[in-house]
């Protein structure tokens, strides 16, 4: 996992290419903000884009297969050297990976000119290349424990490839969307289940002695297992009643898992608290997905998707990016004003979007959608702008 204090090896090249988290966190956050800034104007036909997919497929694709893979790559390219003891990917190889990611974003957003096949080739190249690089490092380092991470990244890669096949065959990518969301959810559950209790334990042991997070055990294994089954069921049979009940069970299991990590004792450390709150959005999302299957007259799937996507993904990656950036650039693990603002904005935006999806505001919904949209954009811009000096400049000695 990413440890609290890890000193990156020095690099002779530019600082931005000295470690994977630097370019991918910066450009991933920037694109997360700018992409969503376009989303509602595009959805409401106030602007247009030269693409070959629907507005909804564009929106989901660029978050699930565009933004999130960049941030995941930044995290794993930084964590894997810690796991294996091997040198990090940096310099020219890292620049090549970033360039492939950029090429995918350009190709997808100009897909009407390139055509579906050429777009798929360029766009899928990033996850395929990253998966190959991660697999090489994990296997070479004989880090068999983290093959589970590799399997999930592989599922995300296959989901991305499947996205284009599904678009070509049906014109929509419903299954691939859900597979992508499921893969990232499982990755957050797996990695989050390591770092959240570990970071919480380290902080509580130093600052607030008392009850500590429960170590990883059978409860965690059972929760991960039921989550895999329920997410697989939702991915391929999203209207099945049994899957609905299974999602509700998954929600309670994850809520219980979270309750064992002493998150209630982290109120004085926002950099920790945001990780617990982000994870809380996962059981909320599971519950809403299950309720949407079982009681569709009262609940809609989109509420659960946004709880997981905006709250779980958004808040978790911001929390991890802030912590990893500060730790790997020689700064203390505190929460500065920019990070506090980013955390508050993304949590508020996610909660508001879920409430809007539950259709609680009548004629005010479109206004509140815009507020939620701007809150998300502002949160990621706070990170991209506020943390740019740390990401682009050499580590502070």
Protein backbone atom coordinates (compact mmCIF):
# COMPACT_ATOMS: atom_id res chain seq x y z
CA UNK A 1 0.00 0.00 0.00
CA UNK A 2 1.02 3.65 -0.07
CA UNK A 3 2.78 4.24 3.22
CA UNK A 4 2.47 7.49 5.17
CA UNK A 5 6.12 8.40 4.58
CA UNK A 6 7.82 7.22 1.43
CA UNK A 7 10.78 9.05 -0.05
CA UNK A 8 10.80 8.81 -3.85
CA UNK A 9 14.12 8.10 -5.51
CA UNK A 10 15.69 11.20 -7.04
CA UNK A 11 15.34 11.77 -10.77
CA UNK A 12 17.50 13.68 -13.23
CA UNK A 13 14.55 14.63 -15.43
CA UNK A 14 11.70 17.08 -14.81
CA UNK A 15 9.94 16.63 -11.49
CA UNK A 16 6.55 16.06 -13.14
CA UNK A 17 7.93 12.85 -14.69
CA UNK A 18 9.74 11.58 -11.59
CA UNK A 19 6.80 9.57 -10.23
CA UNK A 20 3.51 8.34 -11.68
CA UNK A 21 1.29 10.24 -9.28
CA UNK A 22 2.58 13.63 -10.47
CA UNK A 23 1.31 13.85 -14.07
CA UNK A 24 -1.67 11.55 -13.68
CA UNK A 25 -3.05 13.24 -10.56
CA UNK A 26 -2.65 16.68 -12.10
CA UNK A 27 -4.06 15.98 -15.55
CA UNK A 28 -6.65 13.54 -14.22
CA UNK A 29 -8.02 16.13 -11.79
CA UNK A 30 -7.96 18.86 -14.41
CA UNK A 31 -9.84 16.69 -16.88
CA UNK A 32 -12.35 15.61 -14.21
CA UNK A 33 -13.26 19.27 -13.74
CA UNK A 34 -13.29 20.37 -17.37
CA UNK A 35 -15.15 17.28 -18.56
CA UNK A 36 -18.03 17.73 -16.13
CA UNK A 37 -18.13 21.43 -16.93
CA UNK A 38 -19.22 20.39 -20.43
CA UNK A 39 -21.58 17.65 -19.32
CA UNK A 40 -24.85 19.46 -18.59
CA UNK A 41 -24.58 21.93 -21.50
CA UNK A 42 -24.00 18.91 -23.74
CA UNK A 43 -26.83 16.90 -22.17
CA UNK A 44 -29.30 19.78 -22.46
CA UNK A 45 -28.23 20.38 -26.10
CA UNK A 46 -26.76 23.79 -25.30
CA UNK A 47 -23.55 22.71 -27.04
CA UNK A 48 -22.39 19.79 -29.15
CA UNK A 49 -19.35 17.58 -29.56
CA UNK A 50 -18.06 15.68 -32.64
CA UNK A 51 -18.58 12.22 -31.15
CA UNK A 52 -20.24 9.00 -32.32
CA UNK A 53 -21.94 8.05 -29.04
CA UNK A 54 -24.88 9.44 -27.06
CA UNK A 55 -24.44 12.17 -24.47
CA UNK A 56 -24.90 9.70 -21.61
CA UNK A 57 -22.38 7.24 -23.06
CA UNK A 58 -19.90 10.10 -23.52
CA UNK A 59 -20.40 11.24 -19.92
CA UNK A 60 -19.98 7.80 -18.37
CA UNK A 61 -17.11 6.82 -20.66
CA UNK A 62 -14.98 9.85 -19.93
CA UNK A 63 -15.35 9.46 -16.17
CA UNK A 64 -15.08 5.67 -15.92
CA UNK A 65 -12.65 4.99 -18.76
CA UNK A 66 -10.95 8.41 -18.97
CA UNK A 67 -10.61 10.20 -15.64
CA UNK A 68 -10.56 7.25 -13.25
CA UNK A 69 -7.93 5.17 -15.12
CA UNK A 70 -5.58 8.18 -15.06
CA UNK A 71 -5.91 8.58 -11.30
CA UNK A 72 -5.74 4.82 -10.74
CA UNK A 73 -2.56 4.74 -12.82
CA UNK A 74 -1.08 7.56 -10.75
CA UNK A 75 -1.84 5.69 -7.55
CA UNK A 76 -0.66 2.26 -8.68
CA UNK A 77 2.49 3.49 -10.44
CA UNK A 78 3.41 5.01 -7.07
CA UNK A 79 2.27 2.08 -4.92
CA UNK A 80 3.69 -0.80 -6.96
CA UNK A 81 7.36 0.18 -6.34
CA UNK A 82 6.55 0.11 -2.61
CA UNK A 83 5.01 -3.34 -3.00
CA UNK A 84 7.80 -4.82 -5.15
CA UNK A 85 10.94 -2.86 -4.22
CA UNK A 86 11.55 -2.20 -7.92
CA UNK A 87 12.28 1.16 -9.51
CA UNK A 88 9.25 3.29 -10.43
CA UNK A 89 8.16 4.00 -13.99
CA UNK A 90 9.46 7.51 -14.69
CA UNK A 91 11.02 9.73 -17.34
CA UNK A 92 10.44 8.73 -20.96
CA UNK A 93 8.33 5.60 -20.24
CA UNK A 94 6.07 7.67 -17.99
CA UNK A 95 5.82 10.41 -20.62
CA UNK A 96 4.81 7.77 -23.15
CA UNK A 97 2.03 6.49 -20.87
CA UNK A 98 0.73 10.02 -20.29
CA UNK A 99 0.85 10.72 -24.03
CA UNK A 100 -1.17 7.56 -24.76
CA UNK A 101 -3.78 8.69 -22.24
CA UNK A 102 -3.95 12.15 -23.84
CA UNK A 103 -4.28 10.59 -27.29
CA UNK A 104 -7.25 8.58 -26.06
CA UNK A 105 -9.02 11.67 -24.74
CA UNK A 106 -8.46 13.55 -28.00
CA UNK A 107 -9.56 10.60 -30.13
CA UNK A 108 -12.74 9.97 -28.16
CA UNK A 109 -13.77 13.61 -28.25
CA UNK A 110 -13.16 13.72 -32.03
CA UNK A 111 -14.59 10.28 -32.74
CA UNK A 112 -17.05 11.58 -35.34
CA UNK A 113 -14.04 12.40 -37.54
CA UNK A 114 -11.97 9.30 -36.73
CA UNK A 115 -14.68 6.68 -36.78
CA UNK A 116 -15.45 4.08 -34.11
CA UNK A 117 -12.73 1.55 -34.99
CA UNK A 118 -9.84 4.05 -35.03
CA UNK A 119 -11.13 5.71 -31.88
CA UNK A 120 -11.32 2.35 -30.10
CA UNK A 121 -7.76 1.48 -31.08
CA UNK A 122 -6.32 4.76 -29.81
CA UNK A 123 -8.51 5.03 -26.73
CA UNK A 124 -8.13 1.45 -25.47
CA UNK A 125 -4.35 1.61 -25.84
CA UNK A 126 -3.87 3.32 -22.48
CA UNK A 127 -5.52 0.75 -20.22
CA UNK A 128 -3.99 -2.11 -22.22
CA UNK A 129 -0.51 -0.56 -21.94
CA UNK A 130 -0.92 0.31 -18.29
CA UNK A 131 -2.20 -3.18 -17.47
CA UNK A 132 0.82 -4.68 -19.21
CA UNK A 133 3.21 -2.37 -17.33
CA UNK A 134 1.58 -3.09 -13.96
CA UNK A 135 1.55 -6.84 -14.64
CA UNK A 136 5.23 -6.78 -15.59
CA UNK A 137 6.19 -5.06 -12.35
CA UNK A 138 4.02 -7.19 -10.08
CA UNK A 139 5.10 -10.47 -11.66
CA UNK A 140 8.78 -9.48 -11.84
CA UNK A 141 8.65 -8.48 -8.19
CA UNK A 142 6.83 -11.75 -7.32
CA UNK A 143 4.25 -9.66 -5.52
CA UNK A 144 1.56 -12.32 -5.69
CA UNK A 145 -0.61 -10.74 -3.01
CA UNK A 146 -1.47 -7.88 -5.33
CA UNK A 147 -2.53 -10.05 -8.24
CA UNK A 148 -6.07 -9.27 -7.05
CA UNK A 149 -5.47 -5.62 -7.90
CA UNK A 150 -4.19 -6.68 -11.31
CA UNK A 151 -7.29 -8.83 -11.93
CA UNK A 152 -9.56 -5.84 -11.23
CA UNK A 153 -7.54 -3.57 -13.52
CA UNK A 154 -7.82 -6.32 -16.13
CA UNK A 155 -11.61 -6.35 -15.71
CA UNK A 156 -11.68 -2.58 -16.18
CA UNK A 157 -9.57 -2.97 -19.32
CA UNK A 158 -11.89 -5.64 -20.72
CA UNK A 159 -14.88 -3.45 -19.85
CA UNK A 160 -13.35 -0.63 -21.88
CA UNK A 161 -12.79 -2.86 -24.88
CA UNK A 162 -16.30 -4.23 -24.45
CA UNK A 163 -17.65 -0.67 -24.48
CA UNK A 164 -16.70 -0.29 -28.14
CA UNK A 165 -18.01 -3.71 -29.14
CA UNK A 166 -21.31 -2.94 -27.42
CA UNK A 167 -21.57 0.47 -29.10
CA UNK A 168 -20.86 -1.14 -32.47
CA UNK A 169 -23.49 -3.85 -31.97
CA UNK A 170 -26.31 -2.01 -30.17
CA UNK A 171 -25.51 1.71 -30.31
CA UNK A 172 -25.36 1.85 -26.49
CA UNK A 173 -22.96 0.56 -23.85
CA UNK A 174 -25.18 -0.29 -20.89
CA UNK A 175 -23.35 -3.46 -19.81
CA UNK A 176 -19.86 -1.98 -20.29
CA UNK A 177 -20.81 1.08 -18.24
CA UNK A 178 -21.85 -1.13 -15.33
CA UNK A 179 -18.79 -3.37 -15.67
CA UNK A 180 -16.54 -0.31 -15.49
CA UNK A 181 -18.34 1.07 -12.44
CA UNK A 182 -18.23 -2.36 -10.78
CA UNK A 183 -14.49 -2.79 -11.41
CA UNK A 184 -13.61 0.62 -9.95
CA UNK A 185 -15.91 0.03 -6.98
CA UNK A 186 -14.14 -3.24 -6.21
CA UNK A 187 -10.74 -1.59 -6.57
CA UNK A 188 -11.75 1.12 -4.10
CA UNK A 189 -13.09 -1.51 -1.73
CA UNK A 190 -9.87 -3.52 -1.96
CA UNK A 191 -7.39 -0.64 -1.72
CA UNK A 192 -9.61 1.41 0.60
CA UNK A 193 -9.89 -1.59 2.89
CA UNK A 194 -6.12 -1.50 3.28
CA UNK A 195 -5.31 2.19 3.49
CA UNK A 196 -8.28 3.55 5.45
CA UNK A 197 -7.85 1.38 8.57
CA UNK A 198 -4.04 1.52 8.25
CA UNK A 199 -3.86 5.31 8.05
CA UNK A 200 -6.50 5.62 10.78
CA UNK A 201 -4.61 3.25 13.08
CA UNK A 202 -1.34 5.13 12.56
CA UNK A 203 -2.94 8.50 13.33
CA UNK A 204 -4.96 7.31 16.33
CA UNK A 205 -1.96 5.56 17.84
CA UNK A 206 -0.04 8.85 17.76
CA UNK A 207 -2.73 11.45 18.40
CA UNK A 208 -5.75 9.90 20.11
CA UNK A 209 -5.05 6.59 21.85
CA UNK A 210 -8.04 4.32 22.40
CA UNK A 211 -10.18 2.13 20.17
CA UNK A 212 -8.36 1.24 16.95
CA UNK A 213 -9.59 -0.11 13.60
CA UNK A 214 -10.21 -3.85 13.49
CA UNK A 215 -7.54 -5.69 11.46
CA UNK A 216 -8.42 -7.27 8.13
CA UNK A 217 -10.17 -10.57 8.70
CA UNK A 218 -12.99 -12.88 7.70
CA UNK A 219 -15.55 -10.08 7.78
CA UNK A 220 -13.60 -8.18 5.14
CA UNK A 221 -13.17 -11.30 3.00
CA UNK A 222 -16.88 -12.10 3.19
CA UNK A 223 -17.82 -8.50 2.37
CA UNK A 224 -15.54 -8.46 -0.67
CA UNK A 225 -16.92 -11.81 -1.83
CA UNK A 226 -20.57 -10.79 -1.62
CA UNK A 227 -19.71 -7.47 -3.27
CA UNK A 228 -18.09 -9.25 -6.23
CA UNK A 229 -21.19 -11.42 -6.71
CA UNK A 230 -23.70 -8.58 -6.36
CA UNK A 231 -21.78 -6.24 -8.68
CA UNK A 232 -21.40 -9.00 -11.28
CA UNK A 233 -25.13 -9.65 -11.03
CA UNK A 234 -25.95 -5.95 -11.38
CA UNK A 235 -23.58 -5.60 -14.34
CA UNK A 236 -25.32 -8.29 -16.41
CA UNK A 237 -28.80 -8.64 -14.85
CA UNK A 238 -29.66 -5.18 -13.52
CA UNK A 239 -33.39 -5.90 -13.18
CA UNK A 240 -33.18 -9.28 -11.44
CA UNK A 241 -35.02 -9.33 -8.10
CA UNK A 242 -32.47 -11.65 -6.49
CA UNK A 243 -29.71 -9.21 -7.46
CA UNK A 244 -31.73 -6.45 -5.79
CA UNK A 245 -31.81 -8.31 -2.48
CA UNK A 246 -28.14 -9.20 -2.86
CA UNK A 247 -27.27 -5.52 -3.30
CA UNK A 248 -29.11 -4.68 -0.07
CA UNK A 249 -27.14 -7.37 1.75
CA UNK A 250 -23.96 -5.93 0.23
CA UNK A 251 -24.91 -2.49 1.50
CA UNK A 252 -25.30 -3.71 5.09
CA UNK A 253 -22.08 -5.76 4.88
CA UNK A 254 -20.07 -2.75 3.71
CA UNK A 255 -21.65 -0.49 6.30
CA UNK A 256 -20.67 -2.96 9.01
CA UNK A 257 -17.17 -3.24 7.54
CA UNK A 258 -16.79 0.55 7.65
CA UNK A 259 -18.06 0.73 11.24
CA UNK A 260 -15.07 -1.41 12.35
CA UNK A 261 -12.51 1.19 11.17
CA UNK A 262 -13.06 3.76 13.98
CA UNK A 263 -14.01 6.51 11.56
CA UNK A 264 -16.04 8.25 14.26
CA UNK A 265 -12.75 9.03 16.01
CA UNK A 266 -11.22 10.91 13.04
CA UNK A 267 -13.29 14.11 13.24
CA UNK A 268 -10.16 16.18 13.92
CA UNK A 269 -8.34 14.90 10.83
CA UNK A 270 -10.24 15.86 7.67
CA UNK A 271 -7.64 14.09 5.50
CA UNK A 272 -8.69 10.85 7.23
CA UNK A 273 -12.36 11.62 7.74
CA UNK A 274 -12.92 12.21 4.02
CA UNK A 275 -11.76 8.64 3.28
CA UNK A 276 -14.32 7.23 5.72
CA UNK A 277 -17.08 9.46 4.33
CA UNK A 278 -16.16 8.47 0.78
CA UNK A 279 -16.42 4.79 1.66
CA UNK A 280 -19.79 5.47 3.32
CA UNK A 281 -21.17 6.43 -0.09
CA UNK A 282 -20.56 2.87 -1.31
CA UNK A 283 -23.13 1.15 0.97
CA UNK A 284 -25.50 4.05 0.30
CA UNK A 285 -25.06 3.41 -3.40
CA UNK A 286 -25.53 -0.35 -3.04
CA UNK A 287 -28.72 0.22 -1.06
CA UNK A 288 -30.11 2.62 -3.66
CA UNK A 289 -29.23 0.27 -6.53
CA UNK A 290 -31.00 -2.58 -4.75
CA UNK A 291 -34.00 -0.42 -3.93
CA UNK A 292 -34.17 0.70 -7.56
CA UNK A 293 -34.53 -2.93 -8.64
CA UNK A 294 -37.01 -3.93 -5.95
CA UNK A 295 -39.09 -0.76 -5.78
CA UNK A 296 -38.61 1.05 -9.13
CA UNK A 297 -41.70 3.17 -8.56
CA UNK A 298 -39.91 4.91 -5.68
CA UNK A 299 -36.19 4.68 -6.49
CA UNK A 300 -34.13 5.05 -9.66
CA UNK A 301 -30.82 3.42 -10.57
CA UNK A 302 -29.17 6.75 -11.26
CA UNK A 303 -29.33 7.66 -7.56
CA UNK A 304 -27.21 4.65 -6.63
CA UNK A 305 -24.81 5.20 -9.51
CA UNK A 306 -24.17 8.80 -8.45
CA UNK A 307 -23.76 7.85 -4.79
CA UNK A 308 -21.03 5.42 -5.81
CA UNK A 309 -19.58 7.52 -8.64
CA UNK A 310 -19.62 11.03 -7.19
CA UNK A 311 -19.39 10.23 -3.50
CA UNK A 312 -17.43 6.99 -3.45
CA UNK A 313 -15.12 7.60 -6.41
CA UNK A 314 -14.90 11.38 -6.29
CA UNK A 315 -14.26 11.87 -2.58
CA UNK A 316 -11.99 8.83 -2.33
CA UNK A 317 -9.68 9.84 -5.17
CA UNK A 318 -9.45 13.42 -3.90
CA UNK A 319 -8.59 12.18 -0.42
CA UNK A 320 -5.98 9.78 -1.76
CA UNK A 321 -4.51 12.34 -4.17
CA UNK A 322 -4.10 14.95 -1.44
CA UNK A 323 -2.53 12.50 0.99
CA UNK A 324 -0.20 10.87 -1.54
CA UNK A 325 0.88 14.21 -3.00
CA UNK A 326 1.68 15.70 0.37
CA UNK A 327 3.46 12.57 1.62
CA UNK A 328 5.54 12.07 -1.52
CA UNK A 329 6.56 15.70 -1.93
CA UNK A 330 7.88 16.22 1.60
CA UNK A 331 4.85 17.94 3.17
CA UNK A 332 3.16 17.00 6.43
CA UNK A 333 -0.06 15.01 6.28
CA UNK A 334 -2.33 17.89 7.23
CA UNK A 335 -5.30 19.35 5.36
CA UNK A 336 -4.67 22.80 3.95
CA UNK A 337 -7.43 25.22 2.99
CA UNK A 338 -7.51 24.08 -0.64
CA UNK A 339 -7.88 20.44 0.33
CA UNK A 340 -10.58 21.23 2.90
CA UNK A 341 -12.50 23.17 0.28
CA UNK A 342 -12.10 20.37 -2.28
CA UNK A 343 -13.30 17.71 0.17
CA UNK A 344 -16.29 19.77 1.26
CA UNK A 345 -17.29 20.63 -2.29
CA UNK A 346 -17.12 17.07 -3.62
CA UNK A 347 -19.02 15.63 -0.64
CA UNK A 348 -21.68 18.33 -0.93
CA UNK A 349 -21.95 17.92 -4.70
CA UNK A 350 -22.34 14.16 -4.36
CA UNK A 351 -25.00 14.38 -1.64
CA UNK A 352 -26.94 16.99 -3.61
CA UNK A 353 -26.78 14.93 -6.83
CA UNK A 354 -28.15 11.86 -5.03
CA UNK A 355 -31.00 13.87 -3.52
CA UNK A 356 -31.85 15.33 -6.92
CA UNK A 357 -31.90 11.82 -8.40
CA UNK A 358 -34.44 10.87 -5.73
CA UNK A 359 -36.69 13.58 -7.21
CA UNK A 360 -37.18 15.50 -3.98
CA UNK A 361 -37.01 19.05 -5.37
CA UNK A 362 -39.57 19.31 -8.16
CA UNK A 363 -39.07 22.33 -10.41
CA UNK A 364 -35.75 23.22 -8.71
CA UNK A 365 -34.03 20.07 -9.96
CA UNK A 366 -32.25 21.61 -12.95
CA UNK A 367 -30.88 24.48 -10.86
CA UNK A 368 -29.62 22.06 -8.21
CA UNK A 369 -28.09 19.86 -10.90
CA UNK A 370 -26.07 22.86 -12.05
CA UNK A 371 -24.98 23.58 -8.48
CA UNK A 372 -23.88 19.96 -8.03
CA UNK A 373 -22.03 20.10 -11.35
CA UNK A 374 -20.17 23.26 -10.38
CA UNK A 375 -19.37 21.84 -6.94
CA UNK A 376 -17.67 18.81 -8.51
CA UNK A 377 -15.76 20.98 -10.99
CA UNK A 378 -14.62 23.40 -8.29
CA UNK A 379 -13.47 20.51 -6.05
CA UNK A 380 -11.17 19.05 -8.68
CA UNK A 381 -9.95 22.47 -9.79
CA UNK A 382 -9.05 23.21 -6.16
CA UNK A 383 -6.77 20.19 -6.23
CA UNK A 384 -5.35 20.76 -9.73
CA UNK A 385 -4.57 24.43 -9.10
CA UNK A 386 -3.72 24.27 -5.42
CA UNK A 387 -1.46 21.22 -5.72
CA UNK A 388 0.15 22.07 -9.07
CA UNK A 389 3.30 23.52 -7.41
CA UNK A 390 3.78 20.33 -5.37
CA UNK A 391 3.26 18.11 -8.41
CA UNK A 392 5.40 20.09 -10.85
CA UNK A 393 8.27 21.08 -8.57
CA UNK A 394 10.93 18.80 -7.02
CA UNK A 395 10.30 17.22 -3.66
CA UNK A 396 10.82 19.59 -0.74
CA UNK A 397 13.90 18.60 1.22
